[in-house]
Amino acid sequence: SGSNLNTVMHDGSRFIVGGHNGRMLTSTDADTWSYNYMGDDNYYVYGISTNGSEYVAAGQTYGLYSSDLSIWDAYSEGATSVDTSIVFDGGKYVRTGEYGILIWDGVSTYTNLPDPYWKWSLNTNKYMNDLDWDGTRFVAVGSSGVIYTSPDAADGSWTEQNSTVTQNLHAVTKNDTRYVAVGASGTIITSDDNGTTWVTRTSNVTITLNDAAWTGNEFVVVGNSGHILTSDNGEIWKDMTHTYVDLNGVTAYNSDIVIVGDKGTVIRNNQ
């Protein structure tokens, strides 16, 4: 696929990649990839999650739903203009995008229109780009350095925190104790108290950083112009440029690290 690839996740049995123009890739070993067409070139996917029996993709204009990754149902009801990430916390889906954060129980039918199946959890004029769920807490990041935290994503439960930065934040991840958030102009900030207070770290790059993941041994951050940054503690970062294209997503499963980007780029770590 020559289309831009935006996001990658692992569902416990395979890697799943979503991108522009209805492009989707899957792989069980990160080496051999199968191409799945989602059925419409208008489907732009920026996040994918699953409750174990159904997949939900967050993207542009539509909410997308599939039980097998082959046939996708699209419904525009409940969708903001662009949705950027989605997670399942064991009881509900939580989705970020333009104007805030929405939740859906994953049970009530999305075909029962016009009854809205997605409910507002946080309605804001900020563009929310990503969120992390660690089993007990949500941390969401967005435009102009905005950060919100919540124990359960319930309406009225979100607390805005001081990130100490004004750059757009594009992604957030966590190891056992430390959150790392990344964004525009090489911004990297960390928090050791559940997302309440944040410290600015030196990345030594000025490009936009698009995604971050914890591998079990180190943080991996990917960004524009092929930059890949790594750090074992989130404080001191090593930068390498792997390709000239923008890198948009990264995930890790066991010993495999998969990075995706523009022009159909897929990179995996060497074993």
C-alpha atoms as a PDB file:
ATOM      1  CA  SER A   1       0.000   0.000   0.000  1.00  0.00           C
ATOM      2  CA  GLY A   2       1.346   3.430  -0.958  1.00  0.00           C
ATOM      3  CA  SER A   3      -1.217   5.259   1.143  1.00  0.00           C
ATOM      4  CA  ASN A   4      -0.280   6.890   4.425  1.00  0.00           C
ATOM      5  CA  LEU A   5      -0.465   4.553   7.421  1.00  0.00           C
ATOM      6  CA  ASN A   6      -1.509   6.267  10.644  1.00  0.00           C
ATOM      7  CA  THR A   7      -1.902   3.798  13.489  1.00  0.00           C
ATOM      8  CA  VAL A   8      -0.819   0.327  14.625  1.00  0.00           C
ATOM      9  CA  MET A   9      -2.058  -1.862  17.490  1.00  0.00           C
ATOM     10  CA  HIS A  10      -1.877  -5.494  18.624  1.00  0.00           C
ATOM     11  CA  ASP A  11      -5.030  -7.385  19.617  1.00  0.00           C
ATOM     12  CA  GLY A  12      -3.261 -10.266  21.352  1.00  0.00           C
ATOM     13  CA  SER A  13      -2.884 -12.354  18.213  1.00  0.00           C
ATOM     14  CA  ARG A  14      -1.906  -9.968  15.393  1.00  0.00           C
ATOM     15  CA  PHE A  15      -0.733  -6.507  14.509  1.00  0.00           C
ATOM     16  CA  ILE A  16      -3.367  -4.305  12.864  1.00  0.00           C
ATOM     17  CA  VAL A  17      -2.484  -1.181  10.873  1.00  0.00           C
ATOM     18  CA  GLY A  18      -4.949   1.483   9.741  1.00  0.00           C
ATOM     19  CA  GLY A  19      -4.435   4.308   7.302  1.00  0.00           C
ATOM     20  CA  HIS A  20      -5.802   6.539   4.573  1.00  0.00           C
ATOM     21  CA  ASN A  21      -8.159   5.493   1.768  1.00  0.00           C
ATOM     22  CA  GLY A  22      -9.539   2.431   3.558  1.00  0.00           C
ATOM     23  CA  ARG A  23      -6.131   0.751   3.786  1.00  0.00           C
ATOM     24  CA  MET A  24      -5.553  -1.845   6.496  1.00  0.00           C
ATOM     25  CA  LEU A  25      -2.717  -4.320   7.072  1.00  0.00           C
ATOM     26  CA  THR A  26      -2.515  -7.308   9.430  1.00  0.00           C
ATOM     27  CA  SER A  27       0.346  -9.565  10.502  1.00  0.00           C
ATOM     28  CA  THR A  28       0.844 -12.273  13.116  1.00  0.00           C
ATOM     29  CA  ASP A  29       4.655 -12.012  13.102  1.00  0.00           C
ATOM     30  CA  ALA A  30       5.455  -8.402  12.009  1.00  0.00           C
ATOM     31  CA  ASP A  31       7.296  -9.823   8.977  1.00  0.00           C
ATOM     32  CA  THR A  32       4.596 -10.987   6.566  1.00  0.00           C
ATOM     33  CA  TRP A  33       1.677  -8.613   6.026  1.00  0.00           C
ATOM     34  CA  SER A  34      -1.786  -9.135   4.546  1.00  0.00           C
ATOM     35  CA  TYR A  35      -3.630  -6.285   2.867  1.00  0.00           C
ATOM     36  CA  ASN A  36      -7.261  -5.644   3.860  1.00  0.00           C
ATOM     37  CA  TYR A  37      -9.394  -3.095   2.056  1.00  0.00           C
ATOM     38  CA  MET A  38     -12.022  -1.618   4.380  1.00  0.00           C
ATOM     39  CA  GLY A  39     -14.433  -0.994   1.523  1.00  0.00           C
ATOM     40  CA  ASP A  40     -14.270   2.749   0.873  1.00  0.00           C
ATOM     41  CA  ASP A  41     -11.471   5.150  -0.061  1.00  0.00           C
ATOM     42  CA  ASN A  42     -13.134   7.761   2.178  1.00  0.00           C
ATOM     43  CA  TYR A  43     -12.267   5.792   5.327  1.00  0.00           C
ATOM     44  CA  TYR A  44      -9.324   7.436   7.093  1.00  0.00           C
ATOM     45  CA  VAL A  45      -8.354   5.544  10.267  1.00  0.00           C
ATOM     46  CA  TYR A  46      -6.340   7.079  13.112  1.00  0.00           C
ATOM     47  CA  GLY A  47      -7.043   4.603  15.915  1.00  0.00           C
ATOM     48  CA  ILE A  48      -8.295   1.021  16.370  1.00  0.00           C
ATOM     49  CA  SER A  49      -9.459  -0.832  19.479  1.00  0.00           C
ATOM     50  CA  THR A  50     -11.310  -4.048  20.323  1.00  0.00           C
ATOM     51  CA  ASN A  51     -13.394  -5.520  23.125  1.00  0.00           C
ATOM     52  CA  GLY A  52     -12.415  -9.022  22.063  1.00  0.00           C
ATOM     53  CA  SER A  53     -15.350  -9.627  19.750  1.00  0.00           C
ATOM     54  CA  GLU A  54     -15.713  -6.390  17.806  1.00  0.00           C
ATOM     55  CA  TYR A  55     -13.285  -3.858  16.355  1.00  0.00           C
ATOM     56  CA  VAL A  56     -13.965  -0.133  16.373  1.00  0.00           C
ATOM     57  CA  ALA A  57     -11.930   2.297  14.263  1.00  0.00           C
ATOM     58  CA  ALA A  58     -11.732   6.026  14.941  1.00  0.00           C
ATOM     59  CA  GLY A  59     -11.215   8.240  11.953  1.00  0.00           C
ATOM     60  CA  GLN A  60     -12.567  10.886   9.660  1.00  0.00           C
ATOM     61  CA  THR A  61     -16.331  11.459   9.395  1.00  0.00           C
ATOM     62  CA  TYR A  62     -17.399   7.871  10.154  1.00  0.00           C
ATOM     63  CA  GLY A  63     -17.515   5.481  13.076  1.00  0.00           C
ATOM     64  CA  LEU A  64     -16.343   2.110  11.707  1.00  0.00           C
ATOM     65  CA  TYR A  65     -17.259  -1.286  13.163  1.00  0.00           C
ATOM     66  CA  SER A  66     -16.262  -4.851  12.272  1.00  0.00           C
ATOM     67  CA  SER A  67     -16.345  -8.301  13.834  1.00  0.00           C
ATOM     68  CA  ASP A  68     -13.675  -9.780  11.568  1.00  0.00           C
ATOM     69  CA  LEU A  69     -11.611  -6.869  10.109  1.00  0.00           C
ATOM     70  CA  SER A  70     -12.955  -7.777   6.666  1.00  0.00           C
ATOM     71  CA  ILE A  71     -16.447  -6.273   6.512  1.00  0.00           C
ATOM     72  CA  TRP A  72     -16.847  -2.818   8.031  1.00  0.00           C
ATOM     73  CA  ASP A  73     -20.051  -0.969   8.882  1.00  0.00           C
ATOM     74  CA  ALA A  74     -19.868   2.815   8.775  1.00  0.00           C
ATOM     75  CA  TYR A  75     -22.135   5.206  10.663  1.00  0.00           C
ATOM     76  CA  SER A  76     -21.670   8.949  10.825  1.00  0.00           C
ATOM     77  CA  GLU A  77     -23.957   9.409  13.860  1.00  0.00           C
ATOM     78  CA  GLY A  78     -21.945  10.166  16.947  1.00  0.00           C
ATOM     79  CA  ALA A  79     -18.775  10.968  14.983  1.00  0.00           C
ATOM     80  CA  THR A  80     -16.994  14.258  15.412  1.00  0.00           C
ATOM     81  CA  SER A  81     -15.320  15.713  12.332  1.00  0.00           C
ATOM     82  CA  VAL A  82     -12.105  13.788  12.976  1.00  0.00           C
ATOM     83  CA  ASP A  83     -11.500  11.182  15.688  1.00  0.00           C
ATOM     84  CA  THR A  84      -7.879  10.540  16.572  1.00  0.00           C
ATOM     85  CA  SER A  85      -7.624   7.633  19.034  1.00  0.00           C
ATOM     86  CA  ILE A  86      -9.729   5.018  20.796  1.00  0.00           C
ATOM     87  CA  VAL A  87      -9.271   2.592  23.709  1.00  0.00           C
ATOM     88  CA  PHE A  88     -11.427  -0.060  25.393  1.00  0.00           C
ATOM     89  CA  ASP A  89     -11.140  -0.040  29.187  1.00  0.00           C
ATOM     90  CA  GLY A  90     -12.861  -3.372  29.813  1.00  0.00           C
ATOM     91  CA  GLY A  91     -16.349  -1.877  30.002  1.00  0.00           C
ATOM     92  CA  LYS A  92     -16.583   0.835  27.368  1.00  0.00           C
ATOM     93  CA  TYR A  93     -14.868   2.476  24.433  1.00  0.00           C
ATOM     94  CA  VAL A  94     -13.374   5.948  24.929  1.00  0.00           C
ATOM     95  CA  ARG A  95     -12.624   8.056  21.866  1.00  0.00           C
ATOM     96  CA  THR A  96     -10.752  11.336  21.390  1.00  0.00           C
ATOM     97  CA  GLY A  97     -11.086  13.875  18.610  1.00  0.00           C
ATOM     98  CA  GLU A  98     -12.232  17.340  17.685  1.00  0.00           C
ATOM     99  CA  TYR A  99     -14.222  18.987  20.480  1.00  0.00           C
ATOM    100  CA  GLY A 100     -13.370  16.475  23.166  1.00  0.00           C
ATOM    101  CA  ILE A 101     -13.899  12.893  24.321  1.00  0.00           C
ATOM    102  CA  LEU A 102     -16.818  10.502  23.815  1.00  0.00           C
ATOM    103  CA  ILE A 103     -17.747   7.128  25.360  1.00  0.00           C
ATOM    104  CA  TRP A 104     -19.803   4.130  24.196  1.00  0.00           C
ATOM    105  CA  ASP A 105     -20.657   1.018  26.199  1.00  0.00           C
ATOM    106  CA  GLY A 106     -19.960  -1.259  23.227  1.00  0.00           C
ATOM    107  CA  VAL A 107     -23.278  -3.021  23.773  1.00  0.00           C
ATOM    108  CA  SER A 108     -26.107  -0.680  22.815  1.00  0.00           C
ATOM    109  CA  THR A 109     -26.548  -0.985  19.074  1.00  0.00           C
ATOM    110  CA  TYR A 110     -25.036   1.710  16.913  1.00  0.00           C
ATOM    111  CA  THR A 111     -27.665   0.914  14.248  1.00  0.00           C
ATOM    112  CA  ASN A 112     -30.486   2.183  16.476  1.00  0.00           C
ATOM    113  CA  LEU A 113     -30.456   5.697  15.050  1.00  0.00           C
ATOM    114  CA  PRO A 114     -31.137   8.460  15.871  1.00  0.00           C
ATOM    115  CA  ASP A 115     -30.656   7.438  19.525  1.00  0.00           C
ATOM    116  CA  PRO A 116     -27.002   8.407  20.085  1.00  0.00           C
ATOM    117  CA  TYR A 117     -24.825   5.505  21.137  1.00  0.00           C
ATOM    118  CA  TRP A 118     -21.799   7.730  21.701  1.00  0.00           C
ATOM    119  CA  LYS A 119     -22.133  10.077  24.686  1.00  0.00           C
ATOM    120  CA  TRP A 120     -20.042  13.132  25.443  1.00  0.00           C
ATOM    121  CA  SER A 121     -17.600  12.533  28.280  1.00  0.00           C
ATOM    122  CA  LEU A 122     -15.681  15.792  27.840  1.00  0.00           C
ATOM    123  CA  ASN A 123     -16.933  18.558  25.547  1.00  0.00           C
ATOM    124  CA  THR A 124     -14.231  21.156  24.968  1.00  0.00           C
ATOM    125  CA  ASN A 125     -13.032  23.521  22.283  1.00  0.00           C
ATOM    126  CA  LYS A 126      -9.658  21.755  22.398  1.00  0.00           C
ATOM    127  CA  TYR A 127      -8.602  19.133  19.871  1.00  0.00           C
ATOM    128  CA  MET A 128      -7.938  15.975  21.903  1.00  0.00           C
ATOM    129  CA  ASN A 129      -5.352  13.813  20.130  1.00  0.00           C
ATOM    130  CA  ASP A 130      -4.623  10.754  22.258  1.00  0.00           C
ATOM    131  CA  LEU A 131      -5.301   9.047  25.567  1.00  0.00           C
ATOM    132  CA  ASP A 132      -3.761   6.334  27.701  1.00  0.00           C
ATOM    133  CA  TRP A 133      -5.608   3.882  29.958  1.00  0.00           C
ATOM    134  CA  ASP A 134      -3.391   2.094  32.487  1.00  0.00           C
ATOM    135  CA  GLY A 135      -6.134   0.090  34.180  1.00  0.00           C
ATOM    136  CA  THR A 136      -6.997   2.696  36.793  1.00  0.00           C
ATOM    137  CA  ARG A 137      -6.682   6.086  35.086  1.00  0.00           C
ATOM    138  CA  PHE A 138      -7.142   7.900  31.800  1.00  0.00           C
ATOM    139  CA  VAL A 139      -4.668  10.572  30.697  1.00  0.00           C
ATOM    140  CA  ALA A 140      -5.669  12.515  27.568  1.00  0.00           C
ATOM    141  CA  VAL A 141      -3.543  15.034  25.642  1.00  0.00           C
ATOM    142  CA  GLY A 142      -4.389  17.571  22.960  1.00  0.00           C
ATOM    143  CA  SER A 143      -3.866  20.931  21.321  1.00  0.00           C
ATOM    144  CA  SER A 144      -2.016  23.822  22.977  1.00  0.00           C
ATOM    145  CA  GLY A 145      -0.522  21.514  25.609  1.00  0.00           C
ATOM    146  CA  VAL A 146      -3.854  20.559  27.170  1.00  0.00           C
ATOM    147  CA  ILE A 147      -3.922  17.505  29.449  1.00  0.00           C
ATOM    148  CA  TYR A 148      -6.933  15.981  31.221  1.00  0.00           C
ATOM    149  CA  THR A 149      -7.038  13.085  33.678  1.00  0.00           C
ATOM    150  CA  SER A 150      -9.948  10.947  34.852  1.00  0.00           C
ATOM    151  CA  PRO A 151     -10.394   7.759  36.890  1.00  0.00           C
ATOM    152  CA  ASP A 152     -13.201   6.417  34.687  1.00  0.00           C
ATOM    153  CA  ALA A 153     -13.957   8.815  31.777  1.00  0.00           C
ATOM    154  CA  ALA A 154     -17.397   9.555  33.203  1.00  0.00           C
ATOM    155  CA  ASP A 155     -19.029  12.853  32.303  1.00  0.00           C
ATOM    156  CA  GLY A 156     -17.810  15.495  34.759  1.00  0.00           C
ATOM    157  CA  SER A 157     -14.882  13.391  35.992  1.00  0.00           C
ATOM    158  CA  TRP A 158     -12.116  15.034  33.954  1.00  0.00           C
ATOM    159  CA  THR A 159      -9.560  17.300  35.627  1.00  0.00           C
ATOM    160  CA  GLU A 160      -7.417  19.649  33.550  1.00  0.00           C
ATOM    161  CA  GLN A 161      -3.732  19.520  34.499  1.00  0.00           C
ATOM    162  CA  ASN A 162      -0.894  21.988  33.890  1.00  0.00           C
ATOM    163  CA  SER A 163       1.407  20.487  31.267  1.00  0.00           C
ATOM    164  CA  THR A 164       3.810  23.487  31.451  1.00  0.00           C
ATOM    165  CA  VAL A 165       3.902  23.597  27.609  1.00  0.00           C
ATOM    166  CA  THR A 166       1.804  25.264  24.910  1.00  0.00           C
ATOM    167  CA  GLN A 167       2.779  23.069  21.973  1.00  0.00           C
ATOM    168  CA  ASN A 168       0.238  20.634  20.579  1.00  0.00           C
ATOM    169  CA  LEU A 169       0.564  17.240  22.242  1.00  0.00           C
ATOM    170  CA  HIS A 170      -0.020  14.292  19.918  1.00  0.00           C
ATOM    171  CA  ALA A 171       0.516  11.157  22.001  1.00  0.00           C
ATOM    172  CA  VAL A 172       0.887   9.819  25.529  1.00  0.00           C
ATOM    173  CA  THR A 173       2.118   6.482  26.880  1.00  0.00           C
ATOM    174  CA  LYS A 174       3.232   5.005  30.201  1.00  0.00           C
ATOM    175  CA  ASN A 175       5.559   2.441  31.735  1.00  0.00           C
ATOM    176  CA  ASP A 176       4.943   1.174  35.271  1.00  0.00           C
ATOM    177  CA  THR A 177       5.386   4.579  36.900  1.00  0.00           C
ATOM    178  CA  ARG A 178       6.080   7.313  34.347  1.00  0.00           C
ATOM    179  CA  TYR A 179       3.942   8.963  31.684  1.00  0.00           C
ATOM    180  CA  VAL A 180       5.586  10.354  28.551  1.00  0.00           C
ATOM    181  CA  ALA A 181       3.720  12.796  26.296  1.00  0.00           C
ATOM    182  CA  VAL A 182       5.087  14.069  22.982  1.00  0.00           C
ATOM    183  CA  GLY A 183       4.127  16.651  20.396  1.00  0.00           C
ATOM    184  CA  ALA A 184       5.043  19.549  18.144  1.00  0.00           C
ATOM    185  CA  SER A 185       8.520  21.111  17.958  1.00  0.00           C
ATOM    186  CA  GLY A 186      10.183  18.067  19.537  1.00  0.00           C
ATOM    187  CA  THR A 187       8.210  18.467  22.769  1.00  0.00           C
ATOM    188  CA  ILE A 188       8.592  15.702  25.360  1.00  0.00           C
ATOM    189  CA  ILE A 189       7.189  15.952  28.884  1.00  0.00           C
ATOM    190  CA  THR A 190       6.998  13.376  31.673  1.00  0.00           C
ATOM    191  CA  SER A 191       4.923  12.849  34.807  1.00  0.00           C
ATOM    192  CA  ASP A 192       5.580  10.596  37.819  1.00  0.00           C
ATOM    193  CA  ASP A 193       2.421  11.443  39.797  1.00  0.00           C
ATOM    194  CA  ASN A 194      -0.408  10.070  37.651  1.00  0.00           C
ATOM    195  CA  GLY A 195      -0.412  12.940  35.187  1.00  0.00           C
ATOM    196  CA  THR A 196      -0.802  15.747  37.707  1.00  0.00           C
ATOM    197  CA  THR A 197       2.538  17.557  37.346  1.00  0.00           C
ATOM    198  CA  TRP A 198       4.787  17.496  34.285  1.00  0.00           C
ATOM    199  CA  VAL A 199       8.481  18.077  33.586  1.00  0.00           C
ATOM    200  CA  THR A 200       9.877  19.179  30.215  1.00  0.00           C
ATOM    201  CA  ARG A 201      12.620  16.954  28.792  1.00  0.00           C
ATOM    202  CA  THR A 202      15.199  17.734  26.100  1.00  0.00           C
ATOM    203  CA  SER A 203      14.660  15.797  22.885  1.00  0.00           C
ATOM    204  CA  ASN A 204      17.327  17.601  20.816  1.00  0.00           C
ATOM    205  CA  VAL A 205      14.966  17.645  17.822  1.00  0.00           C
ATOM    206  CA  THR A 206      12.558  20.289  16.542  1.00  0.00           C
ATOM    207  CA  ILE A 207      10.352  18.126  14.325  1.00  0.00           C
ATOM    208  CA  THR A 208       6.814  17.068  15.210  1.00  0.00           C
ATOM    209  CA  LEU A 209       6.616  13.897  17.311  1.00  0.00           C
ATOM    210  CA  ASN A 210       3.529  11.853  16.460  1.00  0.00           C
ATOM    211  CA  ASP A 211       3.355   8.761  18.663  1.00  0.00           C
ATOM    212  CA  ALA A 212       4.969   7.011  21.611  1.00  0.00           C
ATOM    213  CA  ALA A 213       5.052   3.511  23.089  1.00  0.00           C
ATOM    214  CA  TRP A 214       6.631   1.640  25.987  1.00  0.00           C
ATOM    215  CA  THR A 215       8.242  -1.637  24.864  1.00  0.00           C
ATOM    216  CA  GLY A 216       8.873  -3.125  28.293  1.00  0.00           C
ATOM    217  CA  ASN A 217      12.477  -1.941  28.165  1.00  0.00           C
ATOM    218  CA  GLU A 218      12.390   1.539  26.673  1.00  0.00           C
ATOM    219  CA  PHE A 219      10.216   4.324  25.355  1.00  0.00           C
ATOM    220  CA  VAL A 220      10.054   4.631  21.560  1.00  0.00           C
ATOM    221  CA  VAL A 221       8.854   7.892  19.977  1.00  0.00           C
ATOM    222  CA  VAL A 222       8.306   8.426  16.243  1.00  0.00           C
ATOM    223  CA  GLY A 223       7.976  11.658  14.303  1.00  0.00           C
ATOM    224  CA  ASN A 224       8.208  13.526  11.061  1.00  0.00           C
ATOM    225  CA  SER A 225      11.102  13.119   8.595  1.00  0.00           C
ATOM    226  CA  GLY A 226      11.729   9.558   9.760  1.00  0.00           C
ATOM    227  CA  HIS A 227      12.894  10.341  13.283  1.00  0.00           C
ATOM    228  CA  ILE A 228      12.840   7.575  15.905  1.00  0.00           C
ATOM    229  CA  LEU A 229      13.763   8.502  19.480  1.00  0.00           C
ATOM    230  CA  THR A 230      14.441   6.006  22.262  1.00  0.00           C
ATOM    231  CA  SER A 231      14.974   6.334  26.001  1.00  0.00           C
ATOM    232  CA  ASP A 232      15.058   3.845  28.851  1.00  0.00           C
ATOM    233  CA  ASN A 233      13.813   6.409  31.376  1.00  0.00           C
ATOM    234  CA  GLY A 234      12.101   9.225  29.434  1.00  0.00           C
ATOM    235  CA  GLU A 235      14.791  11.729  30.404  1.00  0.00           C
ATOM    236  CA  ILE A 236      17.747  11.171  28.069  1.00  0.00           C
ATOM    237  CA  TRP A 237      16.851  10.541  24.437  1.00  0.00           C
ATOM    238  CA  LYS A 238      18.771   9.013  21.542  1.00  0.00           C
ATOM    239  CA  ASP A 239      17.688  10.038  18.028  1.00  0.00           C
ATOM    240  CA  MET A 240      18.109   8.219  14.750  1.00  0.00           C
ATOM    241  CA  THR A 241      16.670   8.929  11.327  1.00  0.00           C
ATOM    242  CA  HIS A 242      15.501   5.743   9.640  1.00  0.00           C
ATOM    243  CA  THR A 243      13.730   7.126   6.552  1.00  0.00           C
ATOM    244  CA  TYR A 244      12.744  10.431   4.977  1.00  0.00           C
ATOM    245  CA  VAL A 245       8.979   9.935   5.355  1.00  0.00           C
ATOM    246  CA  ASP A 246       6.881  10.994   8.334  1.00  0.00           C
ATOM    247  CA  LEU A 247       6.343   8.246  10.904  1.00  0.00           C
ATOM    248  CA  ASN A 248       2.894   8.280  12.497  1.00  0.00           C
ATOM    249  CA  GLY A 249       2.395   5.264  14.757  1.00  0.00           C
ATOM    250  CA  VAL A 250       4.289   2.803  16.937  1.00  0.00           C
ATOM    251  CA  THR A 251       3.372  -0.162  19.101  1.00  0.00           C
ATOM    252  CA  ALA A 252       5.189  -2.984  20.861  1.00  0.00           C
ATOM    253  CA  TYR A 253       4.142  -6.556  21.599  1.00  0.00           C
ATOM    254  CA  ASN A 254       6.504  -8.941  23.361  1.00  0.00           C
ATOM    255  CA  SER A 255       9.850  -8.414  21.577  1.00  0.00           C
ATOM    256  CA  ASP A 256       8.367  -6.946  18.388  1.00  0.00           C
ATOM    257  CA  ILE A 257       8.226  -3.194  17.716  1.00  0.00           C
ATOM    258  CA  VAL A 258       6.271  -2.009  14.665  1.00  0.00           C
ATOM    259  CA  ILE A 259       6.338   1.550  13.293  1.00  0.00           C
ATOM    260  CA  VAL A 260       4.130   2.851  10.471  1.00  0.00           C
ATOM    261  CA  GLY A 261       4.177   6.021   8.413  1.00  0.00           C
ATOM    262  CA  ASP A 262       3.476   7.821   5.175  1.00  0.00           C
ATOM    263  CA  LYS A 263       3.715   6.189   1.729  1.00  0.00           C
ATOM    264  CA  GLY A 264       2.856   2.759   3.126  1.00  0.00           C
ATOM    265  CA  THR A 265       5.938   2.627   5.364  1.00  0.00           C
ATOM    266  CA  VAL A 266       6.196  -0.271   7.849  1.00  0.00           C
ATOM    267  CA  ILE A 267       9.340  -0.647   9.987  1.00  0.00           C
ATOM    268  CA  ARG A 268      10.036  -3.347  12.562  1.00  0.00           C
ATOM    269  CA  ASN A 269      12.909  -3.795  14.972  1.00  0.00           C
ATOM    270  CA  ASN A 270      15.667  -6.265  14.199  1.00  0.00           C
ATOM    271  CA  GLN A 271      15.728  -9.465  16.200  1.00  0.00           C
END
